[in-house]
Amino acid sequence: MKTLKLTAKHFRKSGSYWSDYVGSEDVSDFNGSIEIEENLGYVKFEKLSATGNIYAKAGSGILVSQDIQAGWGLQAGWGLQAGWSIQAGWSIQAGWGLQAGEEIEAVGGIEAGGSIKAGGDIQAGWSIKAGWGIEAGGGIQAGIRIACKLSLTVGTRIFAGLALWKEGISDEEKTITCKELRSGKVEYGILKETKE
C-alpha cells in the first residue's frame, strides 16, 4: 500500500495556531496511508480521507473543516478535530483530545489523553477511554467499557458491553466509569461514579 509522507513543505503557516495544507496530492480521497511528520503543530485540511492509516507523529495534530476518515487506524500525537465526523475502520487515538461537530465512530477502540467531544453520537466496537471527560450530544455505545477521569455528559442514552463478537460479557467489560454522570441514561452497562 502506498504511503503519502507529509512534511513541513506541504503546509503554510496561517494567521492562527495551525498551518494549512498546500500540497499537490488530493488528500480528500487518498488511496493508501497518510503520515504527517513530527513537530508540525496543528495542520489543517478541508477534508482528510485515506483507505489505509492516517498517522500524525508526536508534536503534530490534525484539524479538518469537514470529515476525517481512515479505512484502518487514525492516530495523532496531539489532537484530532473535525467540523463534521471522525471515522476509522479500526481504532482512533489522540495524545490530547478528540472533537467532532457530528459523530465519532470506530470499529475498534477510541482513546484520547484529554477529552472526547462529539456533537452527535460516539460509537466504538471496543472501548472508549478519555484522560479527561467525555461529552456527546447524542448517545454513546461501546462494545466493552467506557471510562473517563472527569464527567460524562450524554444527550441521550449510554450502552457499554454490547460486544456482539463475544460469547459473554463480564461485569468489568460493561462498566461505565467516570467521576460523575452529568446527563444521559444508562440503558445497558454498570455505572461506577468515582466522585474523586
C-alpha atoms as a PDB file:
ATOM      1  CA  MET A   1       0.000   0.000   0.000  1.00  0.00           C
ATOM      2  CA  LYS A   2       1.225   3.482  -0.915  1.00  0.00           C
ATOM      3  CA  THR A   3       2.122   5.901   1.927  1.00  0.00           C
ATOM      4  CA  LEU A   4       1.997   9.671   1.411  1.00  0.00           C
ATOM      5  CA  LYS A   5       4.510  11.359   3.749  1.00  0.00           C
ATOM      6  CA  LEU A   6       3.625  14.959   4.532  1.00  0.00           C
ATOM      7  CA  THR A   7       6.390  17.248   5.810  1.00  0.00           C
ATOM      8  CA  ALA A   8       6.715  20.960   6.648  1.00  0.00           C
ATOM      9  CA  LYS A   9       6.981  21.819   2.925  1.00  0.00           C
ATOM     10  CA  HIS A  10       3.375  20.633   2.404  1.00  0.00           C
ATOM     11  CA  PHE A  11       1.994  23.271   4.813  1.00  0.00           C
ATOM     12  CA  ARG A  12       1.870  27.082   5.037  1.00  0.00           C
ATOM     13  CA  LYS A  13       1.523  28.971   8.337  1.00  0.00           C
ATOM     14  CA  SER A  14      -1.900  30.554   8.751  1.00  0.00           C
ATOM     15  CA  GLY A  15      -2.729  33.673  10.746  1.00  0.00           C
ATOM     16  CA  SER A  16      -3.809  31.397  13.605  1.00  0.00           C
ATOM     17  CA  TYR A  17      -2.340  28.435  15.531  1.00  0.00           C
ATOM     18  CA  TRP A  18      -2.401  25.967  12.597  1.00  0.00           C
ATOM     19  CA  SER A  19      -0.711  25.522   9.218  1.00  0.00           C
ATOM     20  CA  ASP A  20      -2.802  24.968   6.075  1.00  0.00           C
ATOM     21  CA  TYR A  21      -2.225  22.041   3.713  1.00  0.00           C
ATOM     22  CA  VAL A  22      -0.883  23.349   0.379  1.00  0.00           C
ATOM     23  CA  GLY A  23       0.405  20.083  -1.105  1.00  0.00           C
ATOM     24  CA  SER A  24      -0.499  18.977  -4.633  1.00  0.00           C
ATOM     25  CA  GLU A  25      -1.750  15.480  -3.672  1.00  0.00           C
ATOM     26  CA  ASP A  26      -5.521  15.144  -3.200  1.00  0.00           C
ATOM     27  CA  VAL A  27      -5.931  14.026   0.426  1.00  0.00           C
ATOM     28  CA  SER A  28      -9.726  14.169   0.372  1.00  0.00           C
ATOM     29  CA  ASP A  29      -9.866  10.636  -1.079  1.00  0.00           C
ATOM     30  CA  PHE A  30      -6.358   9.138  -0.915  1.00  0.00           C
ATOM     31  CA  ASN A  31      -5.790   5.504  -1.915  1.00  0.00           C
ATOM     32  CA  GLY A  32      -3.230   4.428   0.693  1.00  0.00           C
ATOM     33  CA  SER A  33      -1.960   5.709   4.054  1.00  0.00           C
ATOM     34  CA  ILE A  34      -1.069   9.264   5.086  1.00  0.00           C
ATOM     35  CA  GLU A  35       1.778  10.003   7.502  1.00  0.00           C
ATOM     36  CA  ILE A  36       2.371  13.503   8.917  1.00  0.00           C
ATOM     37  CA  GLU A  37       5.851  14.200  10.268  1.00  0.00           C
ATOM     38  CA  GLU A  38       6.501  15.124  13.882  1.00  0.00           C
ATOM     39  CA  ASN A  39       6.546  18.579  15.490  1.00  0.00           C
ATOM     40  CA  LEU A  40       4.417  20.436  12.925  1.00  0.00           C
ATOM     41  CA  GLY A  41       1.856  21.633  15.479  1.00  0.00           C
ATOM     42  CA  TYR A  42      -1.714  21.578  14.201  1.00  0.00           C
ATOM     43  CA  VAL A  43      -2.107  21.088  10.456  1.00  0.00           C
ATOM     44  CA  LYS A  44      -5.397  21.842   8.709  1.00  0.00           C
ATOM     45  CA  PHE A  45      -7.195  20.210   5.784  1.00  0.00           C
ATOM     46  CA  GLU A  46     -10.575  20.826   4.158  1.00  0.00           C
ATOM     47  CA  LYS A  47     -11.264  17.049   4.161  1.00  0.00           C
ATOM     48  CA  LEU A  48      -8.927  14.159   5.013  1.00  0.00           C
ATOM     49  CA  SER A  49      -9.659  10.607   3.874  1.00  0.00           C
ATOM     50  CA  ALA A  50      -7.436   7.573   3.256  1.00  0.00           C
ATOM     51  CA  THR A  51      -8.134   3.913   2.543  1.00  0.00           C
ATOM     52  CA  GLY A  52      -5.284   2.959   4.922  1.00  0.00           C
ATOM     53  CA  ASN A  53      -3.993   4.615   8.115  1.00  0.00           C
ATOM     54  CA  ILE A  54      -3.760   8.305   8.933  1.00  0.00           C
ATOM     55  CA  TYR A  55      -0.942   8.964  11.382  1.00  0.00           C
ATOM     56  CA  ALA A  56       0.325  12.303  12.725  1.00  0.00           C
ATOM     57  CA  LYS A  57       3.506  11.773  14.709  1.00  0.00           C
ATOM     58  CA  ALA A  58       4.351  13.279  18.124  1.00  0.00           C
ATOM     59  CA  GLY A  59       4.022  17.051  18.203  1.00  0.00           C
ATOM     60  CA  SER A  60       1.531  17.116  15.316  1.00  0.00           C
ATOM     61  CA  GLY A  61      -2.261  17.346  15.425  1.00  0.00           C
ATOM     62  CA  ILE A  62      -4.985  17.341  12.754  1.00  0.00           C
ATOM     63  CA  LEU A  63      -7.734  19.903  12.122  1.00  0.00           C
ATOM     64  CA  VAL A  64     -10.266  19.261   9.355  1.00  0.00           C
ATOM     65  CA  SER A  65     -13.117  21.537   8.227  1.00  0.00           C
ATOM     66  CA  GLN A  66     -15.271  18.575   7.137  1.00  0.00           C
ATOM     67  CA  ASP A  67     -14.633  14.824   7.780  1.00  0.00           C
ATOM     68  CA  ILE A  68     -11.654  12.721   8.832  1.00  0.00           C
ATOM     69  CA  GLN A  69     -11.948   9.124   7.562  1.00  0.00           C
ATOM     70  CA  ALA A  70      -9.412   6.320   7.739  1.00  0.00           C
ATOM     71  CA  GLY A  71     -10.003   2.855   6.312  1.00  0.00           C
ATOM     72  CA  TRP A  72      -7.809   1.450   9.060  1.00  0.00           C
ATOM     73  CA  GLY A  73      -6.444   3.389  12.051  1.00  0.00           C
ATOM     74  CA  LEU A  74      -6.348   7.077  12.872  1.00  0.00           C
ATOM     75  CA  GLN A  75      -3.734   8.412  15.277  1.00  0.00           C
ATOM     76  CA  ALA A  76      -2.365  11.832  16.240  1.00  0.00           C
ATOM     77  CA  GLY A  77       0.405  12.773  18.639  1.00  0.00           C
ATOM     78  CA  TRP A  78      -1.649  15.823  19.605  1.00  0.00           C
ATOM     79  CA  GLY A  79      -5.376  16.139  18.939  1.00  0.00           C
ATOM     80  CA  LEU A  80      -7.911  15.378  16.214  1.00  0.00           C
ATOM     81  CA  GLN A  81     -10.631  17.892  15.416  1.00  0.00           C
ATOM     82  CA  ALA A  82     -13.229  17.747  12.645  1.00  0.00           C
ATOM     83  CA  GLY A  83     -16.055  20.102  11.763  1.00  0.00           C
ATOM     84  CA  TRP A  84     -18.177  17.108  10.838  1.00  0.00           C
ATOM     85  CA  SER A  85     -17.253  13.493  11.718  1.00  0.00           C
ATOM     86  CA  ILE A  86     -14.257  11.351  12.661  1.00  0.00           C
ATOM     87  CA  GLN A  87     -14.408   7.736  11.432  1.00  0.00           C
ATOM     88  CA  ALA A  88     -11.955   4.846  11.353  1.00  0.00           C
ATOM     89  CA  GLY A  89     -12.164   1.267  10.115  1.00  0.00           C
ATOM     90  CA  TRP A  90     -10.204   0.284  13.195  1.00  0.00           C
ATOM     91  CA  SER A  91      -9.087   2.495  16.120  1.00  0.00           C
ATOM     92  CA  ILE A  92      -8.858   6.224  16.838  1.00  0.00           C
ATOM     93  CA  GLN A  93      -6.150   7.528  19.196  1.00  0.00           C
ATOM     94  CA  ALA A  94      -5.124  11.067  20.127  1.00  0.00           C
ATOM     95  CA  GLY A  95      -2.431  12.142  22.547  1.00  0.00           C
ATOM     96  CA  TRP A  96      -4.618  15.077  23.553  1.00  0.00           C
ATOM     97  CA  GLY A  97      -8.293  15.414  22.636  1.00  0.00           C
ATOM     98  CA  LEU A  98     -10.845  14.334  20.034  1.00  0.00           C
ATOM     99  CA  GLN A  99     -13.546  16.704  18.875  1.00  0.00           C
ATOM    100  CA  ALA A 100     -16.139  16.366  16.115  1.00  0.00           C
ATOM    101  CA  GLY A 101     -19.089  18.563  15.202  1.00  0.00           C
ATOM    102  CA  GLU A 102     -21.085  15.420  14.464  1.00  0.00           C
ATOM    103  CA  GLU A 103     -20.167  11.789  15.306  1.00  0.00           C
ATOM    104  CA  ILE A 104     -17.038   9.875  16.270  1.00  0.00           C
ATOM    105  CA  GLU A 105     -17.051   6.241  15.142  1.00  0.00           C
ATOM    106  CA  ALA A 106     -14.508   3.411  15.184  1.00  0.00           C
ATOM    107  CA  VAL A 107     -14.819  -0.320  14.546  1.00  0.00           C
ATOM    108  CA  GLY A 108     -12.109  -0.797  17.193  1.00  0.00           C
ATOM    109  CA  GLY A 109     -11.463   1.471  20.185  1.00  0.00           C
ATOM    110  CA  ILE A 110     -11.445   5.228  20.780  1.00  0.00           C
ATOM    111  CA  GLU A 111      -8.859   6.729  23.142  1.00  0.00           C
ATOM    112  CA  ALA A 112      -7.711  10.270  23.977  1.00  0.00           C
ATOM    113  CA  GLY A 113      -5.251  11.578  26.543  1.00  0.00           C
ATOM    114  CA  GLY A 114      -7.569  14.584  27.039  1.00  0.00           C
ATOM    115  CA  SER A 115     -11.288  14.874  26.391  1.00  0.00           C
ATOM    116  CA  ILE A 116     -13.590  13.335  23.771  1.00  0.00           C
ATOM    117  CA  LYS A 117     -16.379  15.559  22.477  1.00  0.00           C
ATOM    118  CA  ALA A 118     -18.931  14.984  19.706  1.00  0.00           C
ATOM    119  CA  GLY A 119     -21.972  16.977  18.652  1.00  0.00           C
ATOM    120  CA  GLY A 120     -23.688  13.667  17.826  1.00  0.00           C
ATOM    121  CA  ASP A 121     -23.029  10.037  18.766  1.00  0.00           C
ATOM    122  CA  ILE A 122     -19.811   8.316  19.882  1.00  0.00           C
ATOM    123  CA  GLN A 123     -19.594   4.640  18.850  1.00  0.00           C
ATOM    124  CA  ALA A 124     -16.803   2.085  19.274  1.00  0.00           C
ATOM    125  CA  GLY A 125     -16.692  -1.662  18.709  1.00  0.00           C
ATOM    126  CA  TRP A 126     -14.234  -1.951  21.608  1.00  0.00           C
ATOM    127  CA  SER A 127     -13.692   0.545  24.450  1.00  0.00           C
ATOM    128  CA  ILE A 128     -13.960   4.327  24.774  1.00  0.00           C
ATOM    129  CA  LYS A 129     -11.403   5.924  27.089  1.00  0.00           C
ATOM    130  CA  ALA A 130     -10.591   9.569  27.874  1.00  0.00           C
ATOM    131  CA  GLY A 131      -7.981  11.043  30.198  1.00  0.00           C
ATOM    132  CA  TRP A 132     -10.424  13.883  30.980  1.00  0.00           C
ATOM    133  CA  GLY A 133     -14.164  13.973  30.227  1.00  0.00           C
ATOM    134  CA  ILE A 134     -16.487  12.615  27.543  1.00  0.00           C
ATOM    135  CA  GLU A 135     -19.315  14.616  26.023  1.00  0.00           C
ATOM    136  CA  ALA A 136     -21.793  13.515  23.352  1.00  0.00           C
ATOM    137  CA  GLY A 137     -24.731  15.489  22.001  1.00  0.00           C
ATOM    138  CA  GLY A 138     -26.340  12.148  21.090  1.00  0.00           C
ATOM    139  CA  GLY A 139     -25.669   8.716  22.595  1.00  0.00           C
ATOM    140  CA  ILE A 140     -22.616   6.618  23.434  1.00  0.00           C
ATOM    141  CA  GLN A 141     -22.182   2.965  22.518  1.00  0.00           C
ATOM    142  CA  ALA A 142     -19.159   0.767  23.284  1.00  0.00           C
ATOM    143  CA  GLY A 143     -18.509  -2.929  22.701  1.00  0.00           C
ATOM    144  CA  ILE A 144     -16.683  -3.063  26.027  1.00  0.00           C
ATOM    145  CA  ARG A 145     -16.299  -0.466  28.790  1.00  0.00           C
ATOM    146  CA  ILE A 146     -16.436   3.329  28.793  1.00  0.00           C
ATOM    147  CA  ALA A 147     -14.032   5.225  31.052  1.00  0.00           C
ATOM    148  CA  CYS A 148     -13.097   8.826  31.742  1.00  0.00           C
ATOM    149  CA  LYS A 149     -11.469  10.552  34.711  1.00  0.00           C
ATOM    150  CA  LEU A 150     -13.847  13.523  34.787  1.00  0.00           C
ATOM    151  CA  SER A 151     -17.529  13.940  33.933  1.00  0.00           C
ATOM    152  CA  LEU A 152     -19.601  12.012  31.398  1.00  0.00           C
ATOM    153  CA  THR A 153     -22.226  14.158  29.674  1.00  0.00           C
ATOM    154  CA  VAL A 154     -24.564  12.479  27.172  1.00  0.00           C
ATOM    155  CA  GLY A 155     -27.567  13.874  25.295  1.00  0.00           C
ATOM    156  CA  THR A 156     -29.496  10.598  25.135  1.00  0.00           C
ATOM    157  CA  ARG A 157     -28.584   7.008  26.089  1.00  0.00           C
ATOM    158  CA  ILE A 158     -25.442   5.083  27.103  1.00  0.00           C
ATOM    159  CA  PHE A 159     -24.628   1.457  26.231  1.00  0.00           C
ATOM    160  CA  ALA A 160     -21.478  -0.380  27.380  1.00  0.00           C
ATOM    161  CA  GLY A 161     -20.823  -4.090  26.858  1.00  0.00           C
ATOM    162  CA  LEU A 162     -22.585  -4.603  23.524  1.00  0.00           C
ATOM    163  CA  ALA A 163     -19.730  -6.640  22.029  1.00  0.00           C
ATOM    164  CA  LEU A 164     -21.747  -8.911  19.750  1.00  0.00           C
ATOM    165  CA  TRP A 165     -18.493 -10.556  18.654  1.00  0.00           C
ATOM    166  CA  LYS A 166     -18.001 -12.073  22.163  1.00  0.00           C
ATOM    167  CA  GLU A 167     -19.819 -15.057  23.625  1.00  0.00           C
ATOM    168  CA  GLY A 168     -20.157 -13.445  27.032  1.00  0.00           C
ATOM    169  CA  ILE A 169     -19.550 -10.071  28.657  1.00  0.00           C
ATOM    170  CA  SER A 170     -18.146  -9.740  32.179  1.00  0.00           C
ATOM    171  CA  ASP A 171     -19.328  -7.036  34.572  1.00  0.00           C
ATOM    172  CA  GLU A 172     -15.950  -5.304  34.147  1.00  0.00           C
ATOM    173  CA  GLU A 173     -16.440  -5.183  30.369  1.00  0.00           C
ATOM    174  CA  LYS A 174     -19.792  -3.442  30.705  1.00  0.00           C
ATOM    175  CA  THR A 175     -18.627  -0.884  33.271  1.00  0.00           C
ATOM    176  CA  ILE A 176     -19.080   2.849  32.685  1.00  0.00           C
ATOM    177  CA  THR A 177     -16.524   4.610  34.904  1.00  0.00           C
ATOM    178  CA  CYS A 178     -16.499   8.376  35.412  1.00  0.00           C
ATOM    179  CA  LYS A 179     -16.148  10.941  38.188  1.00  0.00           C
ATOM    180  CA  GLU A 180     -19.763  11.988  37.650  1.00  0.00           C
ATOM    181  CA  LEU A 181     -22.573  11.237  35.195  1.00  0.00           C
ATOM    182  CA  ARG A 182     -23.925  14.728  34.474  1.00  0.00           C
ATOM    183  CA  SER A 183     -26.598  13.718  31.968  1.00  0.00           C
ATOM    184  CA  GLY A 184     -27.746  10.760  29.927  1.00  0.00           C
ATOM    185  CA  LYS A 185     -29.434   7.481  30.774  1.00  0.00           C
ATOM    186  CA  VAL A 186     -27.556   4.199  31.194  1.00  0.00           C
ATOM    187  CA  GLU A 187     -29.600   1.734  29.111  1.00  0.00           C
ATOM    188  CA  TYR A 188     -27.067  -1.086  29.286  1.00  0.00           C
ATOM    189  CA  GLY A 189     -23.992  -1.291  31.486  1.00  0.00           C
ATOM    190  CA  ILE A 190     -22.930  -0.767  35.091  1.00  0.00           C
ATOM    191  CA  LEU A 191     -22.340   2.826  36.195  1.00  0.00           C
ATOM    192  CA  LYS A 192     -19.398   3.408  38.545  1.00  0.00           C
ATOM    193  CA  GLU A 193     -19.024   7.043  39.670  1.00  0.00           C
ATOM    194  CA  THR A 194     -15.701   7.662  41.416  1.00  0.00           C
ATOM    195  CA  LYS A 195     -16.653  11.119  42.877  1.00  0.00           C
ATOM    196  CA  GLU A 196     -12.920  11.803  43.380  1.00  0.00           C
END
